[in-house]
Amino acid sequence: MRITLKSTHTYWRRGQSDVLSIVILIAVIMVVSAIFIVFSMVQFGNEVSQSSIEYVASFLTNVADDIDTFMFVPGAVLTYQLPNTNYGTYNFMGSLCNITISTASNNIINEVTGGGLVYGVPPTYFSLPPGFSNVWRGSTFNGVLTSSLSDFSLIVSYQTRVLMGTSMAVLQFGYGNFNGVNYGTYLVMVPRVMAINGTGPAGIGYVYIPVLDLISNQGRGGRLIISIQNISSQSIVLRNGGILKVSEVCYFGNGVKPISSSAVVLGNTVYVTIVQIGVGFG
């Protein structure tokens, strides 16, 4: 009786090949899943960061509205809970804007320097192209609302009507370095000068200059504090139909061309009022 033993090598190799194929398939699925998860997280971060910009822009617009309302109330204090977005940071930039008042012969009468409130998102979360800009709150020189930086003016002139929403502007810029910090995009709330012409050479003109200064930066309670610190005024007599020149220039970081505006105020006497507005984090 002859017994023939069948070889098991073929079956063993086939089983080994099947296991190896399954392992490779699982590895590929895990890699693809990891890539998908990373992509989803990046996309989610981008969308949330963009939403945070819109949310904070709306918040700063509301703050600017309140400053317009309480700007001429000495001692007024406004307190806000800062929106906690977890994707951006708040900061205050001093010496952001320079305002100069001079006569027709360029003799400087007064010079004021102020800062601005900044909210920015790191480029690792979200980024807009360099050179991008948007006006969330602001107008042209004549008070016409605009969203274009090319039409925006740092000085607004009262003509035949009282303009609202004028003392503060909220601007947005794209990728850039601002005061040593890299941002993918950032918002800036900056003050604007208001100028009122007198009714002819014998009339009375007015210039209102809001100035933002940092008063505290504890930043532990997540609050923003706005306070009207001081209001001072001086009268400037312009004889023989003289004029008063007002100019403002602001610097918004590397890659952003400085924005400048100027105006001429007529009148026999021009009253210049400076409103010191304190900004604090606490």
C-alpha atoms as a PDB file:
ATOM      1  CA  MET A   1       0.000   0.000   0.000  1.00  0.00           C
ATOM      2  CA  ARG A   2       1.496   3.269  -1.167  1.00  0.00           C
ATOM      3  CA  ILE A   3       0.749   6.474   0.717  1.00  0.00           C
ATOM      4  CA  THR A   4       1.302   9.812  -1.059  1.00  0.00           C
ATOM      5  CA  LEU A   5       1.748  12.958   1.072  1.00  0.00           C
ATOM      6  CA  LYS A   6       0.408  16.190  -0.473  1.00  0.00           C
ATOM      7  CA  SER A   7       2.590  19.287  -0.233  1.00  0.00           C
ATOM      8  CA  THR A   8       1.287  22.052   2.040  1.00  0.00           C
ATOM      9  CA  HIS A   9       3.696  24.756   0.777  1.00  0.00           C
ATOM     10  CA  THR A  10       1.267  26.001  -1.830  1.00  0.00           C
ATOM     11  CA  TYR A  11      -1.493  26.555   0.710  1.00  0.00           C
ATOM     12  CA  TRP A  12       0.891  28.152   3.211  1.00  0.00           C
ATOM     13  CA  ARG A  13       2.184  30.602   0.646  1.00  0.00           C
ATOM     14  CA  ARG A  14      -1.318  31.436  -0.460  1.00  0.00           C
ATOM     15  CA  GLY A  15      -2.374  32.114   3.134  1.00  0.00           C
ATOM     16  CA  GLN A  16       0.698  34.232   3.774  1.00  0.00           C
ATOM     17  CA  SER A  17      -0.023  36.284   0.640  1.00  0.00           C
ATOM     18  CA  ASP A  18      -3.618  36.875   1.723  1.00  0.00           C
ATOM     19  CA  VAL A  19      -2.544  38.075   5.180  1.00  0.00           C
ATOM     20  CA  LEU A  20       0.080  40.365   3.662  1.00  0.00           C
ATOM     21  CA  SER A  21      -2.493  41.861   1.291  1.00  0.00           C
ATOM     22  CA  ILE A  22      -4.876  42.520   4.156  1.00  0.00           C
ATOM     23  CA  VAL A  23      -2.109  44.191   6.190  1.00  0.00           C
ATOM     24  CA  ILE A  24      -1.174  46.431   3.249  1.00  0.00           C
ATOM     25  CA  LEU A  25      -4.836  47.300   2.660  1.00  0.00           C
ATOM     26  CA  ILE A  26      -5.325  48.218   6.319  1.00  0.00           C
ATOM     27  CA  ALA A  27      -2.169  50.343   6.259  1.00  0.00           C
ATOM     28  CA  VAL A  28      -3.344  52.178   3.145  1.00  0.00           C
ATOM     29  CA  ILE A  29      -6.752  52.801   4.705  1.00  0.00           C
ATOM     30  CA  MET A  30      -5.122  54.143   7.869  1.00  0.00           C
ATOM     31  CA  VAL A  31      -2.833  56.481   5.909  1.00  0.00           C
ATOM     32  CA  VAL A  32      -5.706  57.776   3.772  1.00  0.00           C
ATOM     33  CA  SER A  33      -7.841  58.237   6.893  1.00  0.00           C
ATOM     34  CA  ALA A  34      -5.028  60.139   8.613  1.00  0.00           C
ATOM     35  CA  ILE A  35      -4.630  62.427   5.593  1.00  0.00           C
ATOM     36  CA  PHE A  36      -8.380  63.005   5.487  1.00  0.00           C
ATOM     37  CA  ILE A  37      -8.470  63.789   9.226  1.00  0.00           C
ATOM     38  CA  VAL A  38      -5.578  66.253   8.939  1.00  0.00           C
ATOM     39  CA  PHE A  39      -7.186  67.913   5.915  1.00  0.00           C
ATOM     40  CA  SER A  40     -10.518  68.126   7.722  1.00  0.00           C
ATOM     41  CA  MET A  41      -8.878  69.646  10.798  1.00  0.00           C
ATOM     42  CA  VAL A  42      -7.055  72.258   8.697  1.00  0.00           C
ATOM     43  CA  GLN A  43     -10.252  73.066   6.799  1.00  0.00           C
ATOM     44  CA  PHE A  44     -12.195  73.296  10.037  1.00  0.00           C
ATOM     45  CA  GLY A  45      -9.546  75.590  11.511  1.00  0.00           C
ATOM     46  CA  ASN A  46      -9.693  77.833   8.434  1.00  0.00           C
ATOM     47  CA  GLU A  47     -13.474  78.120   8.564  1.00  0.00           C
ATOM     48  CA  VAL A  48     -13.560  78.759  12.308  1.00  0.00           C
ATOM     49  CA  SER A  49     -10.779  81.358  12.052  1.00  0.00           C
ATOM     50  CA  GLN A  50     -12.619  83.143   9.257  1.00  0.00           C
ATOM     51  CA  SER A  51     -15.808  83.080  11.302  1.00  0.00           C
ATOM     52  CA  SER A  52     -13.909  84.504  14.284  1.00  0.00           C
ATOM     53  CA  ILE A  53     -12.792  87.475  12.175  1.00  0.00           C
ATOM     54  CA  GLU A  54     -16.393  88.208  11.200  1.00  0.00           C
ATOM     55  CA  TYR A  55     -17.534  87.765  14.803  1.00  0.00           C
ATOM     56  CA  VAL A  56     -14.871  90.086  16.228  1.00  0.00           C
ATOM     57  CA  ALA A  57     -15.458  92.642  13.424  1.00  0.00           C
ATOM     58  CA  SER A  58     -19.104  92.798  14.478  1.00  0.00           C
ATOM     59  CA  PHE A  59     -18.034  93.116  18.126  1.00  0.00           C
ATOM     60  CA  LEU A  60     -15.616  95.978  17.385  1.00  0.00           C
ATOM     61  CA  THR A  61     -18.295  97.709  15.336  1.00  0.00           C
ATOM     62  CA  ASN A  62     -20.603  97.641  18.357  1.00  0.00           C
ATOM     63  CA  VAL A  63     -17.799  99.011  20.557  1.00  0.00           C
ATOM     64  CA  ALA A  64     -17.209 101.818  18.030  1.00  0.00           C
ATOM     65  CA  ASP A  65     -20.933 102.635  18.059  1.00  0.00           C
ATOM     66  CA  ASP A  66     -20.807 102.997  21.837  1.00  0.00           C
ATOM     67  CA  ILE A  67     -17.723 105.212  21.688  1.00  0.00           C
ATOM     68  CA  ASP A  68     -19.612 107.501  19.289  1.00  0.00           C
ATOM     69  CA  THR A  69     -22.407 107.730  21.850  1.00  0.00           C
ATOM     70  CA  PHE A  70     -20.304 108.320  24.980  1.00  0.00           C
ATOM     71  CA  MET A  71     -17.297 110.149  23.524  1.00  0.00           C
ATOM     72  CA  PHE A  72     -18.276 113.501  25.021  1.00  0.00           C
ATOM     73  CA  VAL A  73     -19.200 112.128  28.460  1.00  0.00           C
ATOM     74  CA  PRO A  74     -16.134 112.579  30.699  1.00  0.00           C
ATOM     75  CA  GLY A  75     -15.624 109.675  33.071  1.00  0.00           C
ATOM     76  CA  ALA A  76     -17.823 107.278  31.134  1.00  0.00           C
ATOM     77  CA  VAL A  77     -16.625 103.663  31.421  1.00  0.00           C
ATOM     78  CA  LEU A  78     -17.714 100.880  29.053  1.00  0.00           C
ATOM     79  CA  THR A  79     -16.921  97.261  29.880  1.00  0.00           C
ATOM     80  CA  TYR A  80     -17.188  94.318  27.466  1.00  0.00           C
ATOM     81  CA  GLN A  81     -16.482  90.619  27.600  1.00  0.00           C
ATOM     82  CA  LEU A  82     -14.024  89.886  24.828  1.00  0.00           C
ATOM     83  CA  PRO A  83     -15.217  87.195  22.391  1.00  0.00           C
ATOM     84  CA  ASN A  84     -13.135  84.098  23.113  1.00  0.00           C
ATOM     85  CA  THR A  85     -12.466  82.597  19.698  1.00  0.00           C
ATOM     86  CA  ASN A  86      -9.427  80.411  20.619  1.00  0.00           C
ATOM     87  CA  TYR A  87      -8.028  81.178  17.169  1.00  0.00           C
ATOM     88  CA  GLY A  88      -6.889  84.790  17.448  1.00  0.00           C
ATOM     89  CA  THR A  89      -5.349  87.284  19.847  1.00  0.00           C
ATOM     90  CA  TYR A  90      -6.123  90.835  20.942  1.00  0.00           C
ATOM     91  CA  ASN A  91      -3.495  93.510  21.208  1.00  0.00           C
ATOM     92  CA  PHE A  92      -3.059  97.249  21.427  1.00  0.00           C
ATOM     93  CA  MET A  93      -0.667  99.070  19.120  1.00  0.00           C
ATOM     94  CA  GLY A  94       0.585 102.423  20.358  1.00  0.00           C
ATOM     95  CA  SER A  95       1.825 105.230  18.084  1.00  0.00           C
ATOM     96  CA  LEU A  96      -0.302 103.892  15.274  1.00  0.00           C
ATOM     97  CA  CYS A  97      -1.614 107.230  14.000  1.00  0.00           C
ATOM     98  CA  ASN A  98      -0.180 110.718  13.896  1.00  0.00           C
ATOM     99  CA  ILE A  99      -2.469 113.771  13.683  1.00  0.00           C
ATOM    100  CA  THR A 100      -1.112 117.204  12.855  1.00  0.00           C
ATOM    101  CA  ILE A 101      -2.817 120.606  12.981  1.00  0.00           C
ATOM    102  CA  SER A 102      -1.072 123.435  11.190  1.00  0.00           C
ATOM    103  CA  THR A 103      -1.684 126.824   9.619  1.00  0.00           C
ATOM    104  CA  ALA A 104      -1.554 127.677   5.938  1.00  0.00           C
ATOM    105  CA  SER A 105       2.162 128.471   6.324  1.00  0.00           C
ATOM    106  CA  ASN A 106       2.716 124.952   7.759  1.00  0.00           C
ATOM    107  CA  ASN A 107       3.377 126.159  11.283  1.00  0.00           C
ATOM    108  CA  ILE A 108       2.462 123.197  13.477  1.00  0.00           C
ATOM    109  CA  ILE A 109       0.007 124.185  16.205  1.00  0.00           C
ATOM    110  CA  ASN A 110      -0.637 120.784  17.695  1.00  0.00           C
ATOM    111  CA  GLU A 111       0.490 117.208  17.100  1.00  0.00           C
ATOM    112  CA  VAL A 112      -1.195 114.131  18.556  1.00  0.00           C
ATOM    113  CA  THR A 113      -0.181 110.472  18.470  1.00  0.00           C
ATOM    114  CA  GLY A 114      -2.580 107.625  19.235  1.00  0.00           C
ATOM    115  CA  GLY A 115      -2.926 103.882  19.002  1.00  0.00           C
ATOM    116  CA  GLY A 116      -5.428 101.278  17.846  1.00  0.00           C
ATOM    117  CA  LEU A 117      -7.072  98.054  19.001  1.00  0.00           C
ATOM    118  CA  VAL A 118      -5.985  94.965  17.046  1.00  0.00           C
ATOM    119  CA  TYR A 119      -7.332  91.430  16.650  1.00  0.00           C
ATOM    120  CA  GLY A 120      -5.355  89.017  14.499  1.00  0.00           C
ATOM    121  CA  VAL A 121      -5.322  85.362  13.434  1.00  0.00           C
ATOM    122  CA  PRO A 122      -2.006  83.490  12.987  1.00  0.00           C
ATOM    123  CA  PRO A 123      -1.204  82.423   9.398  1.00  0.00           C
ATOM    124  CA  THR A 124      -1.107  78.785  10.539  1.00  0.00           C
ATOM    125  CA  TYR A 125      -4.864  78.945  11.090  1.00  0.00           C
ATOM    126  CA  PHE A 126      -6.111  81.193   8.321  1.00  0.00           C
ATOM    127  CA  SER A 127      -4.569  83.559   5.840  1.00  0.00           C
ATOM    128  CA  LEU A 128      -5.708  86.073   3.250  1.00  0.00           C
ATOM    129  CA  PRO A 129      -3.484  87.348   0.419  1.00  0.00           C
ATOM    130  CA  PRO A 130      -1.059  90.206   1.146  1.00  0.00           C
ATOM    131  CA  GLY A 131      -2.638  93.465   0.069  1.00  0.00           C
ATOM    132  CA  PHE A 132      -6.171  92.337   0.963  1.00  0.00           C
ATOM    133  CA  SER A 133      -8.233  95.014   2.699  1.00  0.00           C
ATOM    134  CA  ASN A 134     -11.803  95.608   3.759  1.00  0.00           C
ATOM    135  CA  VAL A 135     -13.586  98.428   5.573  1.00  0.00           C
ATOM    136  CA  TRP A 136     -16.039  97.028   8.118  1.00  0.00           C
ATOM    137  CA  ARG A 137     -16.884 100.434   9.549  1.00  0.00           C
ATOM    138  CA  GLY A 138     -15.937 103.674   7.861  1.00  0.00           C
ATOM    139  CA  SER A 139     -16.794 106.193   5.185  1.00  0.00           C
ATOM    140  CA  THR A 140     -15.464 108.575   2.583  1.00  0.00           C
ATOM    141  CA  PHE A 141     -14.395 112.120   3.429  1.00  0.00           C
ATOM    142  CA  ASN A 142     -17.992 113.300   2.942  1.00  0.00           C
ATOM    143  CA  GLY A 143     -19.489 110.604   5.154  1.00  0.00           C
ATOM    144  CA  VAL A 144     -20.680 108.128   2.505  1.00  0.00           C
ATOM    145  CA  LEU A 145     -20.354 104.571   3.809  1.00  0.00           C
ATOM    146  CA  THR A 146     -17.792 102.457   1.972  1.00  0.00           C
ATOM    147  CA  SER A 147     -16.199  99.011   2.175  1.00  0.00           C
ATOM    148  CA  SER A 148     -13.268  99.933  -0.079  1.00  0.00           C
ATOM    149  CA  LEU A 149     -10.012 101.143   1.397  1.00  0.00           C
ATOM    150  CA  SER A 150      -9.356 103.258  -1.700  1.00  0.00           C
ATOM    151  CA  ASP A 151     -12.454 105.372  -0.876  1.00  0.00           C
ATOM    152  CA  PHE A 152     -11.926 105.387   2.878  1.00  0.00           C
ATOM    153  CA  SER A 153     -10.866 108.575   4.677  1.00  0.00           C
ATOM    154  CA  LEU A 154      -9.332 108.969   8.131  1.00  0.00           C
ATOM    155  CA  ILE A 155     -10.928 112.425   8.283  1.00  0.00           C
ATOM    156  CA  VAL A 156     -14.643 112.963   7.868  1.00  0.00           C
ATOM    157  CA  SER A 157     -16.088 116.407   7.188  1.00  0.00           C
ATOM    158  CA  TYR A 158     -19.499 117.502   8.371  1.00  0.00           C
ATOM    159  CA  GLN A 159     -21.293 119.312   5.580  1.00  0.00           C
ATOM    160  CA  THR A 160     -25.043 119.846   5.662  1.00  0.00           C
ATOM    161  CA  ARG A 161     -25.921 117.025   8.040  1.00  0.00           C
ATOM    162  CA  VAL A 162     -24.644 115.384  11.201  1.00  0.00           C
ATOM    163  CA  LEU A 163     -22.863 112.145  10.414  1.00  0.00           C
ATOM    164  CA  MET A 164     -23.056 109.099  12.623  1.00  0.00           C
ATOM    165  CA  GLY A 165     -20.560 106.290  12.952  1.00  0.00           C
ATOM    166  CA  THR A 166     -17.607 108.573  12.387  1.00  0.00           C
ATOM    167  CA  SER A 167     -15.247 108.606  15.363  1.00  0.00           C
ATOM    168  CA  MET A 168     -13.930 105.048  14.931  1.00  0.00           C
ATOM    169  CA  ALA A 169     -13.183 102.898  11.899  1.00  0.00           C
ATOM    170  CA  VAL A 170     -12.790  99.109  11.753  1.00  0.00           C
ATOM    171  CA  LEU A 171     -10.436  97.923   9.010  1.00  0.00           C
ATOM    172  CA  GLN A 172      -9.241  94.466   7.945  1.00  0.00           C
ATOM    173  CA  PHE A 173      -5.972  93.545   6.245  1.00  0.00           C
ATOM    174  CA  GLY A 174      -4.540  90.349   4.795  1.00  0.00           C
ATOM    175  CA  TYR A 175      -1.291  88.536   5.536  1.00  0.00           C
ATOM    176  CA  GLY A 176       1.413  90.752   6.996  1.00  0.00           C
ATOM    177  CA  ASN A 177       3.737  91.595   9.835  1.00  0.00           C
ATOM    178  CA  PHE A 178       2.325  94.135  12.254  1.00  0.00           C
ATOM    179  CA  ASN A 179       4.596  95.426  15.004  1.00  0.00           C
ATOM    180  CA  GLY A 180       6.744  92.267  14.862  1.00  0.00           C
ATOM    181  CA  VAL A 181       3.821  89.811  14.846  1.00  0.00           C
ATOM    182  CA  ASN A 182       2.874  87.772  11.785  1.00  0.00           C
ATOM    183  CA  TYR A 183      -0.845  87.603  11.061  1.00  0.00           C
ATOM    184  CA  GLY A 184      -2.745  85.695   8.405  1.00  0.00           C
ATOM    185  CA  THR A 185      -5.322  88.480   8.640  1.00  0.00           C
ATOM    186  CA  TYR A 186      -6.047  91.143  11.243  1.00  0.00           C
ATOM    187  CA  LEU A 187      -8.577  93.779  12.269  1.00  0.00           C
ATOM    188  CA  VAL A 188      -7.762  97.275  13.510  1.00  0.00           C
ATOM    189  CA  MET A 189     -10.090  99.707  15.257  1.00  0.00           C
ATOM    190  CA  VAL A 190      -8.625 103.154  14.685  1.00  0.00           C
ATOM    191  CA  PRO A 191      -9.887 106.689  15.492  1.00  0.00           C
ATOM    192  CA  ARG A 192     -10.866 109.271  12.877  1.00  0.00           C
ATOM    193  CA  VAL A 193     -10.780 113.060  12.918  1.00  0.00           C
ATOM    194  CA  MET A 194     -14.029 114.999  12.509  1.00  0.00           C
ATOM    195  CA  ALA A 195     -13.873 118.452  10.913  1.00  0.00           C
ATOM    196  CA  ILE A 196     -16.636 121.058  10.691  1.00  0.00           C
ATOM    197  CA  ASN A 197     -16.224 124.155   8.562  1.00  0.00           C
ATOM    198  CA  GLY A 198     -17.364 127.540   9.777  1.00  0.00           C
ATOM    199  CA  THR A 199     -20.022 129.402   7.825  1.00  0.00           C
ATOM    200  CA  GLY A 200     -17.665 131.668   5.922  1.00  0.00           C
ATOM    201  CA  PRO A 201     -14.469 133.457   7.027  1.00  0.00           C
ATOM    202  CA  ALA A 202     -16.228 135.016   9.998  1.00  0.00           C
ATOM    203  CA  GLY A 203     -17.772 131.739  11.183  1.00  0.00           C
ATOM    204  CA  ILE A 204     -16.671 129.202  13.776  1.00  0.00           C
ATOM    205  CA  GLY A 205     -15.100 125.885  12.825  1.00  0.00           C
ATOM    206  CA  TYR A 206     -14.614 122.734  14.882  1.00  0.00           C
ATOM    207  CA  VAL A 207     -12.130 119.840  14.880  1.00  0.00           C
ATOM    208  CA  TYR A 208     -12.694 116.762  17.038  1.00  0.00           C
ATOM    209  CA  ILE A 209      -9.782 114.380  17.577  1.00  0.00           C
ATOM    210  CA  PRO A 210     -10.380 111.085  19.418  1.00  0.00           C
ATOM    211  CA  VAL A 211      -7.164 109.445  20.643  1.00  0.00           C
ATOM    212  CA  LEU A 212      -6.811 105.857  21.895  1.00  0.00           C
ATOM    213  CA  ASP A 213      -4.287 105.185  24.678  1.00  0.00           C
ATOM    214  CA  LEU A 214      -3.518 101.978  26.565  1.00  0.00           C
ATOM    215  CA  ILE A 215      -4.344 102.271  30.283  1.00  0.00           C
ATOM    216  CA  SER A 216      -3.966  98.652  31.463  1.00  0.00           C
ATOM    217  CA  ASN A 217      -3.014  95.294  30.007  1.00  0.00           C
ATOM    218  CA  GLN A 218      -3.675  92.642  32.633  1.00  0.00           C
ATOM    219  CA  GLY A 219      -5.731  90.554  30.227  1.00  0.00           C
ATOM    220  CA  ARG A 220      -6.642  87.918  32.813  1.00  0.00           C
ATOM    221  CA  GLY A 221     -10.389  88.378  32.977  1.00  0.00           C
ATOM    222  CA  GLY A 222     -10.969  88.531  29.230  1.00  0.00           C
ATOM    223  CA  ARG A 223     -12.549  91.972  29.429  1.00  0.00           C
ATOM    224  CA  LEU A 224     -12.200  95.076  27.316  1.00  0.00           C
ATOM    225  CA  ILE A 225     -12.497  98.401  29.144  1.00  0.00           C
ATOM    226  CA  ILE A 226     -13.133 101.686  27.334  1.00  0.00           C
ATOM    227  CA  SER A 227     -13.052 104.881  29.382  1.00  0.00           C
ATOM    228  CA  ILE A 228     -13.294 108.555  28.485  1.00  0.00           C
ATOM    229  CA  GLN A 229     -10.196 109.857  30.263  1.00  0.00           C
ATOM    230  CA  ASN A 230     -10.101 113.521  29.397  1.00  0.00           C
ATOM    231  CA  ILE A 231     -11.559 116.147  27.058  1.00  0.00           C
ATOM    232  CA  SER A 232      -9.507 119.244  26.304  1.00  0.00           C
ATOM    233  CA  SER A 233     -10.178 122.108  23.917  1.00  0.00           C
ATOM    234  CA  GLN A 234      -8.266 125.038  22.491  1.00  0.00           C
ATOM    235  CA  SER A 235      -9.388 127.914  20.307  1.00  0.00           C
ATOM    236  CA  ILE A 236      -7.350 129.007  17.309  1.00  0.00           C
ATOM    237  CA  VAL A 237      -8.032 132.432  15.843  1.00  0.00           C
ATOM    238  CA  LEU A 238      -7.508 132.684  12.092  1.00  0.00           C
ATOM    239  CA  ARG A 239      -7.313 136.313  11.024  1.00  0.00           C
ATOM    240  CA  ASN A 240      -7.943 137.644   7.536  1.00  0.00           C
ATOM    241  CA  GLY A 241      -9.793 134.570   6.351  1.00  0.00           C
ATOM    242  CA  GLY A 242      -7.043 132.118   7.266  1.00  0.00           C
ATOM    243  CA  ILE A 243      -7.327 128.366   7.068  1.00  0.00           C
ATOM    244  CA  LEU A 244      -6.444 125.489   9.369  1.00  0.00           C
ATOM    245  CA  LYS A 245      -4.957 122.307   7.935  1.00  0.00           C
ATOM    246  CA  VAL A 246      -5.637 118.960   9.590  1.00  0.00           C
ATOM    247  CA  SER A 247      -3.898 115.760   8.545  1.00  0.00           C
ATOM    248  CA  GLU A 248      -3.848 112.194   9.848  1.00  0.00           C
ATOM    249  CA  VAL A 249      -1.603 109.314   8.810  1.00  0.00           C
ATOM    250  CA  CYS A 250      -1.798 105.748  10.162  1.00  0.00           C
ATOM    251  CA  TYR A 251       0.586 102.824   9.750  1.00  0.00           C
ATOM    252  CA  PHE A 252      -0.866  99.326   9.554  1.00  0.00           C
ATOM    253  CA  GLY A 253       2.185  97.106   9.256  1.00  0.00           C
ATOM    254  CA  ASN A 254       4.663  95.887   6.688  1.00  0.00           C
ATOM    255  CA  GLY A 255       3.242  95.466   3.218  1.00  0.00           C
ATOM    256  CA  VAL A 256       0.411  97.930   3.864  1.00  0.00           C
ATOM    257  CA  LYS A 257       0.811 101.390   2.407  1.00  0.00           C
ATOM    258  CA  PRO A 258       0.310 104.069   5.093  1.00  0.00           C
ATOM    259  CA  ILE A 259      -3.127 105.657   4.910  1.00  0.00           C
ATOM    260  CA  SER A 260      -3.220 109.435   5.051  1.00  0.00           C
ATOM    261  CA  SER A 261      -6.001 112.008   4.846  1.00  0.00           C
ATOM    262  CA  SER A 262      -6.124 115.782   5.105  1.00  0.00           C
ATOM    263  CA  ALA A 263      -8.702 118.552   5.357  1.00  0.00           C
ATOM    264  CA  VAL A 264      -8.932 122.324   5.457  1.00  0.00           C
ATOM    265  CA  VAL A 265     -11.123 124.020   8.065  1.00  0.00           C
ATOM    266  CA  LEU A 266     -12.354 127.554   7.479  1.00  0.00           C
ATOM    267  CA  GLY A 267     -13.533 130.097  10.017  1.00  0.00           C
ATOM    268  CA  ASN A 268     -12.455 133.106  12.001  1.00  0.00           C
ATOM    269  CA  THR A 269     -12.078 130.882  15.057  1.00  0.00           C
ATOM    270  CA  VAL A 270     -11.586 127.104  15.094  1.00  0.00           C
ATOM    271  CA  TYR A 271     -12.069 125.074  18.258  1.00  0.00           C
ATOM    272  CA  VAL A 272      -9.894 121.956  18.453  1.00  0.00           C
ATOM    273  CA  THR A 273     -11.151 119.330  20.909  1.00  0.00           C
ATOM    274  CA  ILE A 274      -9.054 116.302  21.848  1.00  0.00           C
ATOM    275  CA  VAL A 275     -10.803 113.347  23.478  1.00  0.00           C
ATOM    276  CA  GLN A 276      -8.462 110.957  25.308  1.00  0.00           C
ATOM    277  CA  ILE A 277      -9.996 107.472  25.275  1.00  0.00           C
ATOM    278  CA  GLY A 278      -8.434 104.800  27.462  1.00  0.00           C
ATOM    279  CA  VAL A 279      -8.301 101.153  26.359  1.00  0.00           C
ATOM    280  CA  GLY A 280      -7.657  98.431  28.902  1.00  0.00           C
ATOM    281  CA  PHE A 281      -7.635  94.651  29.142  1.00  0.00           C
ATOM    282  CA  GLY A 282      -8.576  93.139  32.470  1.00  0.00           C
END
